[in-house]
Amino acid sequence: MAEPVSSLLPNATIGIIGGGQLGRMLASSAAQLGFRTIVLEPQPECPAAQLCNRQIVAAYDDEDALTELAQLADVVTYEFENVPLTSADIVARHVALYPPSRALQVAQDRLAEKKFLDDLGAAIAPHRPIATVDDLEHALSELGGGVLKTTRMGYDGKGQHVFTRDRAVSRAELQATLEQLGGITGQRNWVLEQLIDFEFEFSIVAARSIDGAVVSFDPARNTHENGILRRSHVPSRLSKDDEKMAAGHVETIMKALDYVGVIGVEFFKSDEGIVVNEIAPRVHNSGHWTVEACATSQFEQHIRAIAGLPLGSPHRHADCIMTNLLGHEADDITQALAQAQTKVTLYGKAEARDGRKMGHMVQVLP
């Protein structure tokens, strides 16, 4: 494995695997600090390509392209958690990769993630592994309904199905549901999570440096529609005790992973306490508000961390609401821009589709 990064100097090169909106915003923050960026992304003229110095157009598992990226970069990072582990290993042979591949290994498999969290002593939803329709029938009987998820590749509500407690389901319907989810993701393993009665969902975005320093942004209270994050509200309404407990969980997670960079951890606030939902080893949609409302944004924080620079202050100087712009909502931003103290960020995507994140806006509250 490559040696750890020492503090990078201006004009050093940061490699980014993935060229979507997160890669785009990372490239922008890297440029602000004087770094060059190269993005590896199979889609030509991807959102990040509009702001980076160079794009390598290749598949995420293209060994030659990954090696080229690693040889050109002084450090490599990624914008999404489904980077193939073999690809991460190829890169890490030549150059430091942050966050480390262990974070990918845990986050890519929901069962591995739950075992990891359980071993750390974090509260998680009761769950059962599912491989057959018999497993599903038995688990639904035990848990009284739940959310069936593929163990790998699901995101933004994809690869999920909710079974409510008050509705009987036939064996044929159970089998059809497994087949449908398997068709979406190509996976044949699932997990059933018990439905949690919660007051609200929230997330914490935090960063850890190469030398182990940790800073956390304020929690954001999140609302979802059809499994897609719709809005993040800051402040979150969490009590100080709950906030401290959740931030402690995040720090424990990062230390256990020997993490470097920004992480997003999603939680449920329930009557029973704080329940960890899932880990995202990257900059996070619910942290976009940090650009407008904090001394240091999550994107700058990530670049600082992986470049071996001191972490910035996460101080929040304003209350705000971040709203995702989905599909054709981003076609006309006139009304959004007319609102006082509102900033709009578009992602440069060529095609609007229902449910696709095309941009976001942050309204700073008086």
Protein backbone atom coordinates (compact mmCIF):
# COMPACT_ATOMS: atom_id res chain seq x y z
CA MET A 1 0.00 0.00 0.00
CA ALA A 2 1.08 3.57 -0.70
CA GLU A 3 2.56 5.81 2.00
CA PRO A 4 0.25 8.25 3.84
CA VAL A 5 0.00 11.75 2.46
CA SER A 6 1.97 14.60 3.98
CA SER A 7 0.62 18.12 3.54
CA LEU A 8 0.07 18.75 -0.18
CA LEU A 9 1.34 21.95 -1.71
CA PRO A 10 -0.61 24.12 -4.17
CA ASN A 11 -0.75 22.67 -7.69
CA ALA A 12 -0.69 19.13 -6.34
CA THR A 13 -3.21 16.83 -8.05
CA ILE A 14 -6.21 15.19 -6.41
CA GLY A 15 -7.82 12.24 -8.18
CA ILE A 16 -11.57 11.72 -7.80
CA ILE A 17 -13.35 8.48 -8.71
CA GLY A 18 -16.85 9.49 -9.83
CA GLY A 19 -17.90 12.54 -11.80
CA GLY A 20 -21.35 13.42 -10.45
CA GLN A 21 -22.43 16.44 -8.45
CA LEU A 22 -20.36 15.52 -5.39
CA GLY A 23 -17.23 15.18 -7.51
CA ARG A 24 -18.09 18.51 -9.12
CA MET A 25 -18.34 20.31 -5.78
CA LEU A 26 -15.17 18.63 -4.51
CA ALA A 27 -13.32 19.83 -7.62
CA SER A 28 -14.54 23.36 -6.98
CA SER A 29 -13.26 23.33 -3.39
CA ALA A 30 -9.98 21.78 -4.47
CA ALA A 31 -9.45 24.58 -6.97
CA GLN A 32 -10.17 27.15 -4.25
CA LEU A 33 -7.24 25.71 -2.28
CA GLY A 34 -4.97 25.68 -5.31
CA PHE A 35 -5.15 22.00 -6.23
CA ARG A 36 -5.64 20.41 -9.63
CA THR A 37 -8.19 17.62 -10.06
CA ILE A 38 -8.53 14.62 -12.37
CA VAL A 39 -11.82 12.75 -12.43
CA LEU A 40 -12.31 9.15 -13.53
CA GLU A 41 -15.88 8.73 -14.82
CA PRO A 42 -17.33 6.63 -17.68
CA GLN A 43 -19.85 9.29 -18.74
CA PRO A 44 -18.24 11.84 -21.08
CA GLU A 45 -18.76 15.50 -20.16
CA CYS A 46 -20.01 14.54 -16.71
CA PRO A 47 -20.93 17.25 -14.16
CA ALA A 48 -17.47 17.18 -12.56
CA ALA A 49 -15.72 17.46 -15.94
CA GLN A 50 -17.04 21.02 -16.24
CA LEU A 51 -14.93 22.09 -13.24
CA CYS A 52 -11.98 19.69 -13.05
CA ASN A 53 -8.68 19.93 -14.93
CA ARG A 54 -9.03 16.62 -16.72
CA GLN A 55 -11.39 13.68 -17.09
CA ILE A 56 -10.34 10.08 -17.71
CA VAL A 57 -13.31 8.54 -19.52
CA ALA A 58 -13.28 4.92 -18.39
CA ALA A 59 -15.21 2.37 -16.37
CA TYR A 60 -14.71 2.26 -12.62
CA ASP A 61 -13.09 -1.18 -12.91
CA ASP A 62 -10.74 -0.33 -15.80
CA GLU A 63 -7.35 -1.32 -14.37
CA ASP A 64 -5.32 0.71 -16.88
CA ALA A 65 -7.39 3.85 -16.25
CA LEU A 66 -7.23 3.41 -12.46
CA THR A 67 -3.47 2.98 -12.63
CA GLU A 68 -3.16 6.09 -14.79
CA LEU A 69 -5.24 8.07 -12.29
CA ALA A 70 -3.14 6.84 -9.38
CA GLN A 71 0.13 7.67 -11.14
CA LEU A 72 -0.99 11.19 -12.02
CA ALA A 73 -2.48 12.05 -8.62
CA ASP A 74 -0.86 12.86 -5.28
CA VAL A 75 -3.90 11.49 -3.44
CA VAL A 76 -7.15 9.87 -4.60
CA THR A 77 -10.65 10.03 -3.16
CA TYR A 78 -14.13 9.04 -4.36
CA GLU A 79 -17.60 10.56 -4.46
CA PHE A 80 -19.74 7.43 -4.05
CA GLU A 81 -19.63 4.30 -1.90
CA ASN A 82 -20.04 1.66 -4.63
CA VAL A 83 -16.54 1.93 -6.02
CA PRO A 84 -15.47 -1.71 -6.60
CA LEU A 85 -13.14 -2.90 -3.84
CA THR A 86 -10.78 -4.30 -6.47
CA SER A 87 -10.57 -0.81 -7.99
CA ALA A 88 -9.81 0.73 -4.60
CA ASP A 89 -7.02 -1.81 -4.09
CA ILE A 90 -5.48 -1.02 -7.50
CA VAL A 91 -5.36 2.68 -6.67
CA ALA A 92 -4.05 2.14 -3.13
CA ARG A 93 -1.04 0.20 -4.46
CA HIS A 94 0.26 3.38 -6.08
CA VAL A 95 -1.06 6.34 -4.07
CA ALA A 96 -2.86 7.11 -0.82
CA LEU A 97 -6.61 6.51 -1.05
CA TYR A 98 -8.91 8.36 1.37
CA PRO A 99 -11.27 7.33 2.85
CA PRO A 100 -9.59 3.91 3.11
CA SER A 101 -11.04 0.87 1.37
CA ARG A 102 -12.19 -0.56 4.72
CA ALA A 103 -14.88 2.14 4.75
CA LEU A 104 -16.08 0.96 1.34
CA GLN A 105 -16.10 -2.65 2.48
CA VAL A 106 -18.36 -1.84 5.43
CA ALA A 107 -20.69 0.61 3.68
CA GLN A 108 -21.25 -1.48 0.53
CA ASP A 109 -22.96 -4.37 2.34
CA ARG A 110 -25.83 -3.63 4.69
CA LEU A 111 -25.28 -6.79 6.72
CA ALA A 112 -21.57 -6.06 7.12
CA GLU A 113 -22.46 -2.49 8.08
CA LYS A 114 -24.94 -3.64 10.73
CA LYS A 115 -22.44 -6.09 12.24
CA PHE A 116 -19.82 -3.34 12.31
CA LEU A 117 -22.18 -0.93 14.07
CA ASP A 118 -23.43 -3.60 16.48
CA ASP A 119 -19.85 -4.52 17.40
CA LEU A 120 -19.23 -0.85 18.22
CA GLY A 121 -22.22 -0.84 20.58
CA ALA A 122 -24.40 1.46 18.48
CA ALA A 123 -28.18 0.99 18.59
CA ILE A 124 -29.47 -0.30 15.24
CA ALA A 125 -32.86 -1.50 14.00
CA PRO A 126 -33.65 -5.19 14.60
CA HIS A 127 -33.08 -7.02 11.33
CA ARG A 128 -32.85 -10.43 9.68
CA PRO A 129 -30.76 -11.64 6.71
CA ILE A 130 -32.92 -12.87 3.82
CA ALA A 131 -31.90 -15.35 1.12
CA THR A 132 -35.20 -17.15 0.36
CA VAL A 133 -38.93 -16.55 0.47
CA ASP A 134 -39.05 -18.81 3.54
CA ASP A 135 -36.58 -16.50 5.30
CA LEU A 136 -38.76 -13.53 4.43
CA GLU A 137 -41.97 -15.15 5.69
CA HIS A 138 -40.35 -16.07 8.98
CA ALA A 139 -38.71 -12.64 9.44
CA LEU A 140 -41.95 -10.77 8.76
CA SER A 141 -43.66 -12.93 11.36
CA GLU A 142 -40.91 -12.19 13.90
CA LEU A 143 -40.51 -8.47 13.23
CA GLY A 144 -44.13 -7.64 12.40
CA GLY A 145 -43.44 -6.00 9.06
CA GLY A 146 -40.37 -4.12 7.96
CA VAL A 147 -38.32 -2.61 5.16
CA LEU A 148 -36.87 -5.17 2.78
CA LYS A 149 -33.61 -3.94 1.24
CA THR A 150 -31.02 -5.42 -1.05
CA THR A 151 -27.78 -5.86 0.85
CA ARG A 152 -25.85 -4.02 -1.88
CA MET A 153 -26.28 -1.23 -4.45
CA GLY A 154 -29.55 0.35 -3.25
CA TYR A 155 -29.76 4.14 -2.96
CA ASP A 156 -32.37 6.93 -3.02
CA GLY A 157 -35.14 4.43 -2.27
CA LYS A 158 -34.08 1.97 -4.99
CA GLY A 159 -33.82 -1.69 -4.00
CA GLN A 160 -36.31 -1.31 -1.13
CA HIS A 161 -39.86 -2.38 -0.33
CA VAL A 162 -41.96 -1.65 2.77
CA PHE A 163 -44.19 -4.29 4.36
CA THR A 164 -46.55 -2.63 6.83
CA ARG A 165 -47.66 -4.38 9.99
CA ASP A 166 -51.38 -4.18 9.19
CA ARG A 167 -51.40 -5.87 5.78
CA ALA A 168 -51.30 -9.62 5.12
CA VAL A 169 -49.05 -10.60 2.21
CA SER A 170 -49.26 -13.83 0.22
CA ARG A 171 -46.26 -16.06 -0.41
CA ALA A 172 -46.56 -15.36 -4.12
CA GLU A 173 -46.33 -11.62 -3.49
CA LEU A 174 -43.28 -12.11 -1.30
CA GLN A 175 -41.58 -14.11 -4.03
CA ALA A 176 -42.47 -11.48 -6.63
CA THR A 177 -41.03 -8.73 -4.42
CA LEU A 178 -37.73 -10.58 -4.05
CA GLU A 179 -37.58 -11.07 -7.80
CA GLN A 180 -38.33 -7.42 -8.46
CA LEU A 181 -35.64 -6.13 -6.09
CA GLY A 182 -33.16 -8.65 -7.44
CA GLY A 183 -33.88 -7.40 -10.94
CA ILE A 184 -33.23 -3.78 -9.96
CA THR A 185 -29.82 -4.38 -8.43
CA GLY A 186 -28.72 -7.79 -9.68
CA GLN A 187 -28.46 -8.97 -6.07
CA ARG A 188 -29.87 -12.16 -4.56
CA ASN A 189 -29.38 -11.32 -0.90
CA TRP A 190 -31.56 -9.03 1.16
CA VAL A 191 -32.08 -7.78 4.69
CA LEU A 192 -35.38 -7.09 6.45
CA GLU A 193 -35.21 -4.18 8.89
CA GLN A 194 -37.91 -3.69 11.47
CA LEU A 195 -39.91 -0.49 11.01
CA ILE A 196 -38.78 2.08 13.57
CA ASP A 197 -41.30 4.44 15.16
CA PHE A 198 -39.30 7.63 15.05
CA GLU A 199 -39.92 11.32 15.63
CA PHE A 200 -37.64 12.36 12.79
CA GLU A 201 -34.56 11.41 10.82
CA PHE A 202 -31.33 13.33 11.15
CA SER A 203 -27.74 13.10 10.03
CA ILE A 204 -24.34 14.25 11.15
CA VAL A 205 -21.59 15.15 8.72
CA ALA A 206 -18.11 15.07 10.23
CA ALA A 207 -14.48 14.98 9.17
CA ARG A 208 -11.35 13.24 10.42
CA SER A 209 -7.84 14.27 9.49
CA ILE A 210 -4.81 12.09 8.79
CA ASP A 211 -3.53 12.73 12.32
CA GLY A 212 -6.89 11.75 13.88
CA ALA A 213 -8.41 15.16 14.62
CA VAL A 214 -12.23 15.17 14.36
CA VAL A 215 -14.70 17.99 13.77
CA SER A 216 -18.48 17.64 13.39
CA PHE A 217 -21.03 19.91 11.77
CA ASP A 218 -24.34 20.54 13.50
CA PRO A 219 -26.94 17.78 12.95
CA ALA A 220 -29.49 18.29 10.16
CA ARG A 221 -33.10 17.13 10.47
CA ASN A 222 -34.05 15.41 7.22
CA THR A 223 -37.31 14.73 5.41
CA HIS A 224 -37.58 12.22 2.57
CA GLU A 225 -40.05 11.68 -0.27
CA ASN A 226 -40.14 8.30 -2.05
CA GLY A 227 -36.85 7.39 -0.40
CA ILE A 228 -35.08 10.53 -1.70
CA LEU A 229 -33.82 13.28 0.59
CA ARG A 230 -36.04 16.29 0.07
CA ARG A 231 -35.04 18.80 2.74
CA SER A 232 -32.51 19.27 5.50
CA HIS A 233 -33.32 21.68 8.34
CA VAL A 234 -30.69 23.21 10.60
CA PRO A 235 -30.94 23.41 13.60
CA SER A 236 -32.31 19.90 13.95
CA ARG A 237 -34.35 20.14 17.23
CA LEU A 238 -32.15 17.48 18.84
CA SER A 239 -31.43 17.92 22.52
CA LYS A 240 -27.84 18.68 23.47
CA ASP A 241 -27.54 15.25 25.11
CA ASP A 242 -28.78 13.47 21.97
CA GLU A 243 -26.53 15.59 19.79
CA LYS A 244 -23.52 14.72 21.92
CA MET A 245 -24.40 11.01 21.83
CA ALA A 246 -24.84 10.97 18.05
CA ALA A 247 -21.59 12.88 17.48
CA GLY A 248 -19.87 10.38 19.76
CA HIS A 249 -21.14 7.51 17.59
CA VAL A 250 -19.75 9.21 14.49
CA GLU A 251 -16.35 9.73 16.08
CA THR A 252 -16.25 6.09 17.20
CA ILE A 253 -17.14 4.93 13.68
CA MET A 254 -14.40 7.03 12.10
CA LYS A 255 -11.76 5.89 14.60
CA ALA A 256 -12.67 2.22 14.06
CA LEU A 257 -12.30 2.65 10.28
CA ASP A 258 -9.05 4.67 10.58
CA TYR A 259 -11.06 7.13 8.51
CA VAL A 260 -9.72 10.17 6.65
CA GLY A 261 -12.11 12.63 5.02
CA VAL A 262 -15.76 13.56 5.43
CA ILE A 263 -18.42 11.04 6.43
CA GLY A 264 -22.20 11.21 6.66
CA VAL A 265 -24.04 9.11 9.26
CA GLU A 266 -27.84 8.88 9.23
CA PHE A 267 -29.89 8.38 12.40
CA PHE A 268 -33.44 7.97 13.67
CA LYS A 269 -34.56 9.95 16.72
CA SER A 270 -37.08 7.70 18.46
CA ASP A 271 -38.74 7.48 21.87
CA GLU A 272 -36.22 4.72 22.64
CA GLY A 273 -33.27 7.02 21.88
CA ILE A 274 -30.83 7.39 19.01
CA VAL A 275 -30.74 4.64 16.35
CA VAL A 276 -28.01 4.53 13.68
CA ASN A 277 -29.45 3.95 10.22
CA GLU A 278 -26.50 3.88 7.80
CA ILE A 279 -23.05 5.17 6.95
CA ALA A 280 -22.05 7.10 3.82
CA PRO A 281 -18.23 7.24 3.45
CA ARG A 282 -18.17 10.48 1.48
CA VAL A 283 -19.48 14.03 1.46
CA HIS A 284 -23.22 13.86 2.00
CA ASN A 285 -26.35 15.38 0.44
CA SER A 286 -27.58 16.49 3.87
CA GLY A 287 -24.41 18.55 4.31
CA HIS A 288 -24.81 20.81 1.27
CA TRP A 289 -26.08 23.62 3.53
CA THR A 290 -22.58 23.96 5.03
CA VAL A 291 -21.46 25.93 1.97
CA GLU A 292 -23.78 28.83 2.79
CA ALA A 293 -24.06 28.53 6.57
CA CYS A 294 -20.66 27.45 7.93
CA ALA A 295 -17.16 28.84 8.19
CA THR A 296 -15.90 25.77 6.29
CA SER A 297 -18.04 23.71 3.93
CA GLN A 298 -18.10 19.91 3.96
CA PHE A 299 -16.40 19.93 0.54
CA GLU A 300 -13.51 22.14 1.64
CA GLN A 301 -13.26 20.06 4.82
CA HIS A 302 -12.89 16.86 2.80
CA ILE A 303 -10.17 18.36 0.60
CA ARG A 304 -8.35 19.67 3.68
CA ALA A 305 -8.50 16.24 5.33
CA ILE A 306 -7.26 14.15 2.38
CA ALA A 307 -4.57 16.72 1.52
CA GLY A 308 -3.09 16.54 5.02
CA LEU A 309 -4.09 20.11 5.89
CA PRO A 310 -5.57 21.35 9.19
CA LEU A 311 -9.34 20.95 9.40
CA GLY A 312 -11.41 24.14 9.28
CA SER A 313 -13.94 25.41 11.77
CA PRO A 314 -17.41 23.86 11.40
CA HIS A 315 -18.99 26.89 13.09
CA ARG A 316 -22.51 27.58 11.83
CA HIS A 317 -23.38 31.25 11.52
CA ALA A 318 -26.99 30.90 10.30
CA ASP A 319 -30.09 28.72 10.46
CA CYS A 320 -31.12 27.34 7.08
CA ILE A 321 -33.13 24.91 4.99
CA MET A 322 -31.60 22.94 2.12
CA THR A 323 -34.04 21.68 -0.53
CA ASN A 324 -33.14 19.27 -3.31
CA LEU A 325 -34.33 20.22 -6.80
CA LEU A 326 -35.56 17.06 -8.49
CA GLY A 327 -36.23 16.42 -12.16
CA HIS A 328 -37.68 19.41 -14.00
CA GLU A 329 -37.86 21.56 -10.86
CA ALA A 330 -34.45 22.89 -11.87
CA ASP A 331 -35.60 23.99 -15.35
CA ASP A 332 -36.63 27.43 -14.11
CA ILE A 333 -34.91 28.77 -11.00
CA THR A 334 -36.27 32.32 -11.32
CA GLN A 335 -38.63 32.06 -8.35
CA ALA A 336 -35.98 30.45 -6.16
CA LEU A 337 -33.47 33.18 -6.95
CA ALA A 338 -36.08 35.85 -6.20
CA GLN A 339 -36.35 34.66 -2.58
CA ALA A 340 -34.32 36.63 -0.08
CA GLN A 341 -31.19 34.93 1.27
CA THR A 342 -31.54 31.95 -1.10
CA LYS A 343 -28.67 30.42 -3.04
CA VAL A 344 -29.15 27.91 -5.87
CA THR A 345 -26.58 25.33 -6.97
CA LEU A 346 -27.17 23.40 -10.20
CA TYR A 347 -25.19 20.29 -11.06
CA GLY A 348 -24.74 20.65 -14.81
CA LYS A 349 -26.59 17.43 -15.68
CA ALA A 350 -27.74 17.26 -19.27
CA GLU A 351 -30.94 15.28 -18.76
CA ALA A 352 -33.70 15.83 -16.19
CA ARG A 353 -35.53 12.69 -15.02
CA ASP A 354 -38.19 12.19 -12.38
CA GLY A 355 -36.55 11.94 -8.99
CA ARG A 356 -33.10 12.80 -10.31
CA LYS A 357 -31.16 15.34 -8.25
CA MET A 358 -30.51 18.24 -10.60
CA GLY A 359 -29.50 20.82 -8.01
CA HIS A 360 -30.36 22.22 -4.60
CA MET A 361 -31.15 25.51 -2.95
CA VAL A 362 -30.29 26.76 0.51
CA GLN A 363 -32.48 29.35 2.19
CA VAL A 364 -30.73 31.18 5.02
CA LEU A 365 -33.34 31.99 7.66
CA PRO A 366 -33.61 35.40 9.35
